[in-house]
Each structure stands twice: as structure tokens, then as C-alpha cells.
């Protein structure tokens, strides 16, 4: 079957399906070892699970030792400049490894690889990187490796991509919790965000395919799933059938999966129907990550966030009122172009009103070709850092206060691993996504147990098993 180089969307999907279906489970790389390093968000982590599944379906074996491999892949992130710097800083080490092992194949993929300027830069400045593939070309990896002839191959031809079902062909990091993609890409075009340019327009998976994957995970013994999307609650808006995220949540809940979570939500798409479904089903966890980004209406408008400070706070209160014991966390960007001290004070005031249970806070990082990268930015890095420290101090205060409120209570905890802080303990998460280090036997891993909280810190809890 000869396939053309220039393809429309339907042809791309046919090509990807053909490559996928005809190369998996053919052990043409039997005995070969691979190593993969992942940067970035949960979506990248799940992409890595997909890549591992593909590689092992054609014979590769994963290695934990970076120095002895036949293939090394970096799965990259493009959200912030720091992510770029980490990747390019690590490439020097890979160049040295390839010098000592000329047969080593080095691959680069992910959002950073999807950027046109980066792909061009790699071609000109990093010829020792052998294969580059975008977020939409993962299914073509076996073919790229099979046909590799020593010449650099860059395959990032699709800017939109298509939904291709991999039939649960993932090498998952856990046999207790799992990521489940429900959609790809984003149509929001926040002015600071590069995601629509690297992952393309929104494409929702079909409901039946999502339910099939969730049911298979439940039958395999998984206790918890997290529904993934760049803007998860916009699910279904691109589908012909009339289907929204609230419908999907309800159907997933009915599968009987013990715990269901989802990330990340956009306030603009958070509906009353969603709130109703979350409050109705006990297996949908009362934890919501709801990025606000700024408390200033002027900055929110510049960000193209499509809501105001007041609208966000109204939604926040509605969720708090209608969902029992709900925990709400957020994202906040500090130092967006044009942010004044008054704008920043409005963000602090919103945090004081909401008393978030936690937050991911960032200094604005300009991404190439986004509208925000062209906005005038007169704020010094020193001032941005000062604001970030002030914000973090406030956030940490409320996080600690929340943890103190549940001191002495009994919490249902899904135990997922041995504690990183104490190998004699285990660790897991409450329904509200609070990390707990537990004095309990290793046999509790994979189980949901009752834990009495006996110590509360800013970022974690300690507890003992309650029999």
C-alpha cells in the first residue's frame, strides 16, 4: 500500500490506522531496549504510556538505565520556557551517549516537537536527533523506526490530528489508578497558551469508546480513573450527537468504577448540569481543579478567558454550596503583560474570598506566536518573583488551614504506593485529593481504607489505619 505524502484529514486518519494495525504485535525489534523521559502535564504522561505500549508491542523492552539502550525518547512540553531549557540542557548528555554508541536512536516528541520553529532548529542545530514526531503522529512511531536509515526523520505534518483508538494498548504506570483521555486539543485560544497550536483543535472521543476503556480498566481491577482533556468540560461540543460532559460523567459513573476524577476544567464551560451530576454520584470525587488565572477583569480579558472575577466567584460559591465536602484548587499566572500592582491585589483579594485548598502558581512565560508574546511587558523579573512569593505565602496559609480542619477526622484513602517520606509507611489520596502518609501495612496498597488523620502539614497529612 503506497501512501501519499500530502494528506487531507481523512487520508491522515486512514494512514495512521493502517500503520498502527499493521505493525503492532509484530516483534520486529525483539531484544532492543528503550528509555523514555517525560516532561510536562498529565496529557504528556499518558502519551508516554501510549508510546511505551506501542514500543513493547513491536518487541522493545523498557530500560531504567539511560546509558545502555537502543532507543532514547524525550517526550517534551511547550507550556513554559523552563521546560524548553530542561530538554535542550539534557540533549548534550544524549549527544555524548550517541558518540559512544553510534547505533543509538534518539527521538524527540511531544508539544515542543510540534512547534515549527523547534523542528526547524533541531534540523539545523541538532542533527544527532534521529527522529522527531508530533503529538498527532504517535501511531506512526513503529513505521518510523522500521524505516529509519540513518537520516534524520521529522514527522510533524498534522496540525489537527485525528482521534485514533488504541484499544487500551498502554503500558500504564500504575495498576491502581489510570488516565483516560476523553478529548484532544483545545478551541479556547487563551492568549498565553500554546496548546491549540501544538495539539490542535478540540477532538472528542466517542462515548462508546470511552466507556469501553473504563469498563476494561474496572474489570482489570483499577480503583480510580481520571478523565483527561485540555479543557475537559468542553467535551462533546465538536461531536454531531448532542452530548455534553455532564452526560459523559453520568455514564462513566454508571460503570461502577470506584473513583472518578477529571482535569482540567474551564470556568466558562462549567454548567449547572455538571454540578448536579457530581453531587448525585458518590463515585465522582468531590475534588475540582478550576483555574482562575487572575483576579483582575482587565487581565482576564487580555487573557481571553471569557469570564469575569465576579462570574468566577459566583460559580465557585455554587459548587461549594451544592457539592458536599468539595475541595477546589486553581491555577494562577503572575506577571501577565501589563499586570499592575492593582491587578495583582485583585488576584490576592479573590484568593482571600475563595480560600482555595491549593493552587499551582506560575510566573508568565511568553510562548512563541501566541498573542500574549506580542504584548508589552514592562514588569521586571524581580517584581514578578516578589509577587509570586507573596501569592504562594497566602495560598499555603489556606492549604494548611484546610488540612487542620480535617485533623482527627476519618478519611477514605485509596492507598497507591509506599510512602516516599518513610519506607515503613504507605501513601495514598483522600477523596479530596489530599496526600496522606499512613502507618499501615504494605498489603493495603490498592485498597480504599479508613484513615484517622493525626497530623496536618501544609502539603500533606499523616494518619493511621482505622479498623
Protein backbone atom coordinates (compact mmCIF):
# COMPACT_ATOMS: atom_id res chain seq x y z
CA UNK A 1 0.00 0.00 0.00
CA UNK A 2 1.67 3.22 -1.17
CA UNK A 3 0.63 6.28 0.78
CA UNK A 4 0.99 9.90 -0.45
CA UNK A 5 3.00 12.46 1.49
CA UNK A 6 0.46 15.30 1.36
CA UNK A 7 -2.75 14.12 3.02
CA UNK A 8 -6.08 15.58 3.98
CA UNK A 9 -7.64 14.78 7.38
CA UNK A 10 -9.43 11.61 6.23
CA UNK A 11 -6.33 10.33 4.45
CA UNK A 12 -4.16 11.04 7.52
CA UNK A 13 -6.51 9.03 9.70
CA UNK A 14 -6.53 6.15 7.20
CA UNK A 15 -2.72 6.27 7.05
CA UNK A 16 -2.35 6.26 10.83
CA UNK A 17 -4.83 3.42 11.24
CA UNK A 18 -3.06 1.40 8.55
CA UNK A 19 0.34 1.90 10.18
CA UNK A 20 -0.98 1.09 13.64
CA UNK A 21 -2.95 -2.01 12.67
CA UNK A 22 -0.20 -3.50 10.52
CA UNK A 23 2.75 -3.03 12.84
CA UNK A 24 1.62 -3.71 16.38
CA UNK A 25 2.31 -7.15 17.77
CA UNK A 26 4.99 -7.77 15.16
CA UNK A 27 8.10 -8.32 17.27
CA UNK A 28 10.48 -6.82 14.73
CA UNK A 29 12.53 -5.12 17.46
CA UNK A 30 12.78 -8.10 19.78
CA UNK A 31 15.74 -7.78 22.15
CA UNK A 32 16.00 -3.98 21.71
CA UNK A 33 15.87 -1.70 24.76
CA UNK A 34 14.32 1.74 25.10
CA UNK A 35 14.36 4.58 27.63
CA UNK A 36 11.84 7.43 27.71
CA UNK A 37 11.90 10.65 29.74
CA UNK A 38 8.69 12.68 30.12
CA UNK A 39 8.25 16.41 30.73
CA UNK A 40 5.04 18.34 31.34
CA UNK A 41 1.40 17.70 32.14
CA UNK A 42 -0.79 14.64 32.71
CA UNK A 43 -1.52 14.51 28.97
CA UNK A 44 2.18 14.01 28.26
CA UNK A 45 2.40 11.34 30.95
CA UNK A 46 -0.48 9.47 29.32
CA UNK A 47 1.08 9.94 25.86
CA UNK A 48 4.18 8.24 27.25
CA UNK A 49 2.06 5.29 28.39
CA UNK A 50 0.82 5.07 24.80
CA UNK A 51 4.33 5.26 23.36
CA UNK A 52 5.55 2.54 25.73
CA UNK A 53 2.65 0.31 24.74
CA UNK A 54 3.45 0.77 21.05
CA UNK A 55 7.16 0.11 21.51
CA UNK A 56 6.62 -3.04 23.53
CA UNK A 57 4.04 -4.30 21.04
CA UNK A 58 6.82 -4.42 18.42
CA UNK A 59 9.39 -6.07 20.69
CA UNK A 60 11.17 -3.33 22.64
CA UNK A 61 11.85 -3.78 26.37
CA UNK A 62 11.93 -0.81 28.75
CA UNK A 63 15.23 0.00 30.46
CA UNK A 64 15.67 2.12 33.58
CA UNK A 65 19.36 2.69 32.79
CA UNK A 66 19.75 5.58 30.36
CA UNK A 67 23.32 4.60 29.47
CA UNK A 68 22.53 1.23 27.81
CA UNK A 69 19.78 1.46 25.20
CA UNK A 70 18.98 1.14 21.53
CA UNK A 71 16.40 3.94 21.64
CA UNK A 72 16.00 7.04 23.83
CA UNK A 73 12.93 9.28 23.52
CA UNK A 74 12.27 12.64 25.14
CA UNK A 75 8.54 13.43 25.41
CA UNK A 76 8.55 17.20 25.71
CA UNK A 77 6.42 20.08 26.98
CA UNK A 78 5.98 23.56 25.47
CA UNK A 79 3.92 25.31 28.14
CA UNK A 80 6.77 27.30 29.71
CA UNK A 81 10.29 28.35 28.71
CA UNK A 82 11.77 26.39 31.61
CA UNK A 83 10.51 23.16 30.02
CA UNK A 84 12.38 24.02 26.81
CA UNK A 85 15.57 24.75 28.73
CA UNK A 86 15.43 21.41 30.56
CA UNK A 87 15.13 19.49 27.29
CA UNK A 88 17.95 21.29 25.50
CA UNK A 89 20.11 21.02 28.59
CA UNK A 90 19.64 17.25 28.59
CA UNK A 91 20.31 16.87 24.86
CA UNK A 92 24.01 17.50 25.45
CA UNK A 93 24.17 14.31 27.53
CA UNK A 94 22.39 12.36 24.78
CA UNK A 95 24.84 13.66 22.19
CA UNK A 96 27.66 12.24 24.32
CA UNK A 97 25.87 8.88 24.61
CA UNK A 98 25.42 8.71 20.83
CA UNK A 99 29.09 9.45 20.30
CA UNK A 100 29.94 6.37 22.37
CA UNK A 101 27.13 4.32 20.79
CA UNK A 102 26.61 5.37 17.13
CA UNK A 103 23.76 2.87 16.64
CA UNK A 104 21.69 4.59 19.37
CA UNK A 105 18.49 6.16 18.00
CA UNK A 106 17.47 9.42 19.70
CA UNK A 107 13.86 10.58 19.39
CA UNK A 108 12.07 13.75 20.41
CA UNK A 109 8.30 14.09 20.58
CA UNK A 110 5.52 15.94 22.39
CA UNK A 111 4.27 19.53 22.27
CA UNK A 112 7.72 21.08 21.90
CA UNK A 113 8.42 18.90 18.87
CA UNK A 114 5.18 20.11 17.29
CA UNK A 115 6.40 23.73 17.20
CA UNK A 116 7.56 24.71 13.72
CA UNK A 117 10.50 26.80 14.94
CA UNK A 118 11.73 23.99 17.19
CA UNK A 119 11.51 21.38 14.43
CA UNK A 120 13.49 23.69 12.15
CA UNK A 121 16.03 24.40 14.89
CA UNK A 122 16.56 20.69 15.55
CA UNK A 123 17.08 20.03 11.86
CA UNK A 124 19.75 22.74 11.62
CA UNK A 125 21.48 22.53 15.02
CA UNK A 126 20.90 19.01 16.35
CA UNK A 127 21.48 16.52 13.51
CA UNK A 128 22.23 13.77 16.03
CA UNK A 129 18.50 13.66 16.93
CA UNK A 130 17.31 10.92 14.63
CA UNK A 131 13.52 11.05 14.73
CA UNK A 132 11.11 13.84 15.63
CA UNK A 133 7.38 13.21 15.75
CA UNK A 134 4.49 15.38 16.86
CA UNK A 135 1.61 14.86 19.25
CA UNK A 136 -0.53 13.66 16.33
CA UNK A 137 1.98 11.18 14.90
CA UNK A 138 2.48 8.78 17.80
CA UNK A 139 0.79 5.91 15.95
CA UNK A 140 3.40 6.22 13.18
CA UNK A 141 6.36 5.60 15.52
CA UNK A 142 6.76 1.87 14.68
CA UNK A 143 6.95 2.69 10.97
CA UNK A 144 9.46 5.49 11.56
CA UNK A 145 11.71 3.13 13.50
CA UNK A 146 11.33 0.31 10.98
CA UNK A 147 12.25 2.59 8.08
CA UNK A 148 15.00 4.53 9.87
CA UNK A 149 18.06 4.55 7.59
CA UNK A 150 20.48 6.76 9.50
CA UNK A 151 19.00 10.00 8.15
CA UNK A 152 17.09 12.43 10.37
CA UNK A 153 13.32 11.98 10.01
CA UNK A 154 10.98 14.77 11.17
CA UNK A 155 7.27 13.92 11.10
CA UNK A 156 5.04 16.66 12.46
CA UNK A 157 2.84 17.08 9.39
CA UNK A 158 -0.57 17.25 11.09
CA UNK A 159 -1.66 20.39 12.92
CA UNK A 160 -5.04 18.97 13.90
CA UNK A 161 -4.66 15.23 14.19
CA UNK A 162 -7.44 12.69 14.39
CA UNK A 163 -8.85 10.53 17.15
CA UNK A 164 -7.34 7.06 16.78
CA UNK A 165 -8.43 4.32 19.15
CA UNK A 166 -5.50 2.34 20.54
CA UNK A 167 -7.70 -0.33 22.13
CA UNK A 168 -6.20 0.18 25.58
CA UNK A 169 -2.70 -0.50 24.24
CA UNK A 170 -0.96 1.37 27.05
CA UNK A 171 1.83 0.45 29.38
CA UNK A 172 0.32 2.18 32.40
CA UNK A 173 2.46 3.44 35.26
CA UNK A 174 0.00 2.03 37.81
CA UNK A 175 -2.35 -0.93 38.14
CA UNK A 176 -4.48 1.02 40.64
CA UNK A 177 -5.15 4.40 39.00
CA UNK A 178 -5.37 5.25 35.30
CA UNK A 179 -5.62 8.23 32.95
CA UNK A 180 -8.40 8.11 30.35
CA UNK A 181 -8.27 10.64 27.53
CA UNK A 182 -11.74 11.83 26.56
CA UNK A 183 -10.61 14.51 24.10
CA UNK A 184 -7.59 16.08 22.44
CA UNK A 185 -6.70 19.67 21.64
CA UNK A 186 -8.49 22.87 22.63
CA UNK A 187 -10.58 25.60 20.95
CA UNK A 188 -10.37 28.24 23.69
CA UNK A 189 -7.25 30.11 22.45
CA UNK A 190 -6.31 31.79 25.73
CA UNK A 191 -3.76 34.37 24.61
CA UNK A 192 -0.90 32.94 26.70
CA UNK A 193 -1.43 29.29 25.77
CA UNK A 194 0.38 27.33 23.06
CA UNK A 195 -1.75 24.18 23.34
CA UNK A 196 -4.14 24.94 20.41
CA UNK A 197 -1.07 25.39 18.20
CA UNK A 198 0.69 22.19 19.30
CA UNK A 199 -2.21 19.82 19.99
CA UNK A 200 -4.67 21.28 17.51
CA UNK A 201 -8.40 21.87 17.59
CA UNK A 202 -10.70 20.06 20.01
CA UNK A 203 -11.50 16.46 19.05
CA UNK A 204 -13.70 14.43 21.41
CA UNK A 205 -13.61 10.65 21.59
CA UNK A 206 -16.88 8.79 21.10
CA UNK A 207 -18.77 7.95 24.27
CA UNK A 208 -18.84 4.21 23.50
CA UNK A 209 -15.05 4.08 23.15
CA UNK A 210 -14.52 5.88 26.46
CA UNK A 211 -16.97 3.61 28.27
CA UNK A 212 -15.31 0.55 26.74
CA UNK A 213 -11.91 1.66 28.08
CA UNK A 214 -13.29 2.48 31.54
CA UNK A 215 -15.10 -0.86 31.75
CA UNK A 216 -11.94 -2.74 30.75
CA UNK A 217 -9.99 -0.89 33.45
CA UNK A 218 -12.64 -1.70 36.06
CA UNK A 219 -12.58 -5.37 35.07
CA UNK A 220 -8.78 -5.35 35.32
CA UNK A 221 -9.03 -4.24 38.95
CA UNK A 222 -8.34 -0.49 38.66
CA UNK A 223 -9.83 1.53 41.53
CA UNK A 224 -9.67 5.05 40.12
CA UNK A 225 -9.65 6.81 36.75
CA UNK A 226 -9.01 10.44 35.83
CA UNK A 227 -10.75 11.74 32.72
CA UNK A 228 -8.26 13.85 30.79
CA UNK A 229 -8.66 16.80 28.46
CA UNK A 230 -7.04 20.17 27.87
CA UNK A 231 -10.48 21.62 28.57
CA UNK A 232 -12.27 18.55 29.86
CA UNK A 233 -15.71 20.03 30.46
CA UNK A 234 -16.00 21.22 26.84
CA UNK A 235 -16.27 17.54 25.91
CA UNK A 236 -18.73 16.76 23.12
CA UNK A 237 -19.10 20.26 21.68
CA UNK A 238 -17.43 19.08 18.46
CA UNK A 239 -19.48 15.88 18.14
CA UNK A 240 -22.51 15.59 15.87
CA UNK A 241 -24.56 13.92 18.60
CA UNK A 242 -25.88 16.16 21.35
CA UNK A 243 -23.65 15.13 24.22
CA UNK A 244 -22.02 17.15 26.98
CA UNK A 245 -19.54 16.46 29.75
CA UNK A 246 -22.33 16.06 32.29
CA UNK A 247 -23.77 13.22 30.16
CA UNK A 248 -20.35 11.59 29.90
CA UNK A 249 -19.74 11.89 33.66
CA UNK A 250 -23.06 10.24 34.44
CA UNK A 251 -22.45 7.35 32.04
CA UNK A 252 -18.93 6.78 33.34
CA UNK A 253 -20.26 6.80 36.90
CA UNK A 254 -22.74 4.06 36.00
CA UNK A 255 -19.87 1.71 35.02
CA UNK A 256 -19.29 1.21 38.74
CA UNK A 257 -15.68 2.44 38.75
CA UNK A 258 -14.99 3.12 42.43
CA UNK A 259 -13.41 6.56 42.00
CA UNK A 260 -13.75 9.04 39.13
CA UNK A 261 -11.85 12.30 38.75
CA UNK A 262 -11.36 14.77 35.90
CA UNK A 263 -8.91 17.51 34.87
CA UNK A 264 -8.76 20.27 33.79
CA UNK A 265 -11.97 22.34 33.87
CA UNK A 266 -12.59 25.75 32.34
CA UNK A 267 -14.96 28.03 34.31
CA UNK A 268 -16.65 29.11 31.06
CA UNK A 269 -17.87 25.54 30.42
CA UNK A 270 -18.77 24.55 33.99
CA UNK A 271 -22.54 24.04 33.87
CA UNK A 272 -25.29 23.55 36.44
CA UNK A 273 -25.84 20.07 34.94
CA UNK A 274 -22.23 19.17 35.77
CA UNK A 275 -22.66 20.30 39.36
CA UNK A 276 -25.87 18.28 39.63
CA UNK A 277 -24.23 15.07 38.34
CA UNK A 278 -21.16 15.43 40.57
CA UNK A 279 -23.34 15.94 43.65
CA UNK A 280 -25.56 12.97 42.69
CA UNK A 281 -22.97 10.20 42.33
CA UNK A 282 -20.76 9.17 45.25
CA UNK A 283 -18.07 7.65 43.00
CA UNK A 284 -17.39 11.06 41.38
CA UNK A 285 -14.84 12.53 43.75
CA UNK A 286 -15.56 15.92 45.38
CA UNK A 287 -12.38 17.47 44.04
CA UNK A 288 -12.40 20.12 41.32
CA UNK A 289 -9.44 21.88 39.76
CA UNK A 290 -10.81 25.17 38.44
CA UNK A 291 -8.14 27.52 37.03
CA UNK A 292 -8.89 31.21 37.54
CA UNK A 293 -5.51 32.57 36.26
CA UNK A 294 -6.15 36.13 37.53
CA UNK A 295 -8.49 38.09 39.77
CA UNK A 296 -8.40 41.17 37.57
CA UNK A 297 -11.15 41.56 34.96
CA UNK A 298 -8.82 43.64 32.80
CA UNK A 299 -6.17 40.89 32.79
CA UNK A 300 -8.79 38.15 32.30
CA UNK A 301 -9.96 39.98 29.19
CA UNK A 302 -6.40 40.25 27.89
CA UNK A 303 -6.04 36.52 28.54
CA UNK A 304 -9.27 35.83 26.57
CA UNK A 305 -10.65 33.81 29.48
CA UNK A 306 -14.29 34.76 28.73
CA UNK A 307 -15.41 35.25 32.34
CA UNK A 308 -15.08 37.94 35.00
CA UNK A 309 -13.85 37.85 38.58
CA UNK A 310 -17.46 38.11 39.73
CA UNK A 311 -18.68 35.29 37.47
CA UNK A 312 -15.90 33.02 38.68
CA UNK A 313 -16.72 33.71 42.33
CA UNK A 314 -20.43 33.04 41.71
CA UNK A 315 -19.54 29.67 40.15
CA UNK A 316 -17.13 28.92 43.00
CA UNK A 317 -19.85 29.53 45.60
CA UNK A 318 -22.38 27.46 43.66
CA UNK A 319 -20.00 24.49 43.59
CA UNK A 320 -19.17 24.89 47.28
CA UNK A 321 -22.85 25.07 48.19
CA UNK A 322 -24.16 22.17 46.11
CA UNK A 323 -21.35 19.58 46.26
CA UNK A 324 -20.83 18.08 49.71
CA UNK A 325 -17.32 18.39 51.19
CA UNK A 326 -15.93 19.62 47.87
CA UNK A 327 -12.31 20.74 47.59
CA UNK A 328 -11.41 23.34 44.94
CA UNK A 329 -7.90 24.12 43.69
CA UNK A 330 -6.81 26.52 40.98
CA UNK A 331 -4.09 27.86 38.64
CA UNK A 332 -2.84 31.46 38.82
CA UNK A 333 -0.44 33.29 36.49
CA UNK A 334 1.62 36.11 37.98
CA UNK A 335 3.14 38.90 35.90
CA UNK A 336 0.99 38.68 32.78
CA UNK A 337 1.93 41.50 30.37
CA UNK A 338 0.52 44.76 31.65
CA UNK A 339 -0.32 43.45 35.12
CA UNK A 340 -0.23 46.36 37.57
CA UNK A 341 0.04 46.25 41.34
CA UNK A 342 -3.69 46.96 41.45
CA UNK A 343 -4.37 43.97 39.17
CA UNK A 344 -2.26 41.75 41.40
CA UNK A 345 -4.08 42.96 44.52
CA UNK A 346 -7.36 41.92 42.90
CA UNK A 347 -5.92 38.41 42.47
CA UNK A 348 -4.94 38.34 46.15
CA UNK A 349 -8.41 39.55 47.12
CA UNK A 350 -10.05 36.78 45.10
CA UNK A 351 -7.80 34.19 46.77
CA UNK A 352 -8.83 35.58 50.17
CA UNK A 353 -12.51 35.29 49.23
CA UNK A 354 -12.21 31.75 47.83
CA UNK A 355 -9.64 30.40 50.32
CA UNK A 356 -8.54 27.79 47.78
CA UNK A 357 -7.46 24.41 49.12
CA UNK A 358 -4.36 24.64 46.93
CA UNK A 359 -3.02 26.26 43.78
CA UNK A 360 -0.45 25.88 41.04
CA UNK A 361 1.14 29.30 40.61
CA UNK A 362 3.39 30.41 37.76
CA UNK A 363 5.27 33.42 36.51
CA UNK A 364 4.08 34.30 32.99
CA UNK A 365 6.20 32.65 30.32
CA UNK A 366 5.83 34.01 26.78
CA UNK A 367 5.33 31.28 24.18
CA UNK A 368 6.30 31.94 20.59
CA UNK A 369 3.50 33.01 18.22
CA UNK A 370 0.85 33.33 20.94
CA UNK A 371 -0.93 36.73 21.15
CA UNK A 372 0.44 37.34 24.67
CA UNK A 373 4.02 37.03 23.42
CA UNK A 374 3.45 40.21 21.40
CA UNK A 375 2.03 42.20 24.34
CA UNK A 376 4.16 44.84 26.04
CA UNK A 377 5.66 43.60 29.30
CA UNK A 378 7.33 46.23 31.50
CA UNK A 379 7.39 44.25 34.74
CA UNK A 380 10.82 43.18 35.99
CA UNK A 381 11.56 39.56 36.83
CA UNK A 382 12.39 40.66 40.37
CA UNK A 383 8.92 42.15 40.83
CA UNK A 384 7.29 39.05 39.32
CA UNK A 385 9.17 36.86 41.79
CA UNK A 386 8.15 39.10 44.69
CA UNK A 387 4.50 38.82 43.68
CA UNK A 388 4.77 35.06 43.27
CA UNK A 389 6.25 34.66 46.77
CA UNK A 390 3.52 36.84 48.26
CA UNK A 391 0.83 34.82 46.47
CA UNK A 392 2.33 31.47 47.48
CA UNK A 393 2.53 32.53 51.12
CA UNK A 394 -1.20 33.32 51.06
CA UNK A 395 -2.12 30.10 49.23
CA UNK A 396 -0.07 27.99 51.65
CA UNK A 397 -1.87 29.57 54.59
CA UNK A 398 -5.26 28.41 53.31
CA UNK A 399 -3.91 25.00 52.33
CA UNK A 400 -2.63 24.46 55.87
CA UNK A 401 -5.93 25.73 57.33
CA UNK A 402 -7.87 23.22 55.22
CA UNK A 403 -5.63 20.37 56.38
CA UNK A 404 -6.04 21.42 60.04
CA UNK A 405 -9.82 21.28 59.64
CA UNK A 406 -9.69 17.55 58.91
CA UNK A 407 -7.27 16.76 61.74
CA UNK A 408 -8.82 14.00 63.85
CA UNK A 409 -11.37 13.02 61.18
CA UNK A 410 -11.73 9.66 59.43
CA UNK A 411 -10.93 9.87 55.70
CA UNK A 412 -11.39 7.28 52.96
CA UNK A 413 -7.97 6.89 51.33
CA UNK A 414 -7.00 4.96 48.22
CA UNK A 415 -3.55 3.58 49.04
CA UNK A 416 -1.36 3.74 45.92
CA UNK A 417 2.26 3.20 46.99
CA UNK A 418 4.93 3.02 49.66
CA UNK A 419 5.46 6.45 51.22
CA UNK A 420 8.30 8.47 49.68
CA UNK A 421 9.00 10.03 53.09
CA UNK A 422 9.02 6.84 55.14
CA UNK A 423 9.50 3.39 53.59
CA UNK A 424 7.83 1.86 56.64
CA UNK A 425 4.57 3.61 55.72
CA UNK A 426 2.24 3.65 52.73
CA UNK A 427 0.73 6.64 50.94
CA UNK A 428 -2.48 7.48 49.15
CA UNK A 429 -5.09 10.13 48.47
CA UNK A 430 -8.31 11.18 50.13
CA UNK A 431 -11.47 11.77 48.12
CA UNK A 432 -10.46 15.46 48.14
CA UNK A 433 -7.05 14.64 46.59
CA UNK A 434 -5.05 15.20 49.77
CA UNK A 435 -1.85 13.17 50.09
CA UNK A 436 -1.73 11.05 53.25
CA UNK A 437 1.25 9.13 54.64
CA UNK A 438 -0.23 6.22 56.60
CA UNK A 439 1.02 3.91 59.30
CA UNK A 440 -0.42 0.79 57.65
CA UNK A 441 0.87 -2.48 56.15
CA UNK A 442 2.01 -2.80 52.55
CA UNK A 443 -0.91 -5.17 51.96
CA UNK A 444 -3.24 -2.14 51.95
CA UNK A 445 -1.78 -0.88 48.65
CA UNK A 446 -4.54 -0.96 46.06
CA UNK A 447 -7.30 -0.76 48.67
CA UNK A 448 -9.57 2.02 49.90
CA UNK A 449 -9.21 2.17 53.67
CA UNK A 450 -10.45 4.32 56.55
CA UNK A 451 -7.65 6.50 57.93
CA UNK A 452 -7.67 8.65 61.05
CA UNK A 453 -5.74 11.87 60.39
CA UNK A 454 -3.33 12.59 63.29
CA UNK A 455 -1.06 15.27 61.81
CA UNK A 456 -1.59 18.06 59.29
CA UNK A 457 1.13 19.81 57.31
CA UNK A 458 0.85 22.39 54.54
CA UNK A 459 1.12 19.91 51.68
CA UNK A 460 0.34 16.51 53.19
CA UNK A 461 -1.32 14.65 56.03
CA UNK A 462 -0.29 11.81 58.34
CA UNK A 463 -2.65 9.14 59.55
CA UNK A 464 -3.18 5.67 60.96
CA UNK A 465 -5.39 2.90 59.65
CA UNK A 466 -8.78 2.83 61.39
CA UNK A 467 -10.05 -0.73 61.69
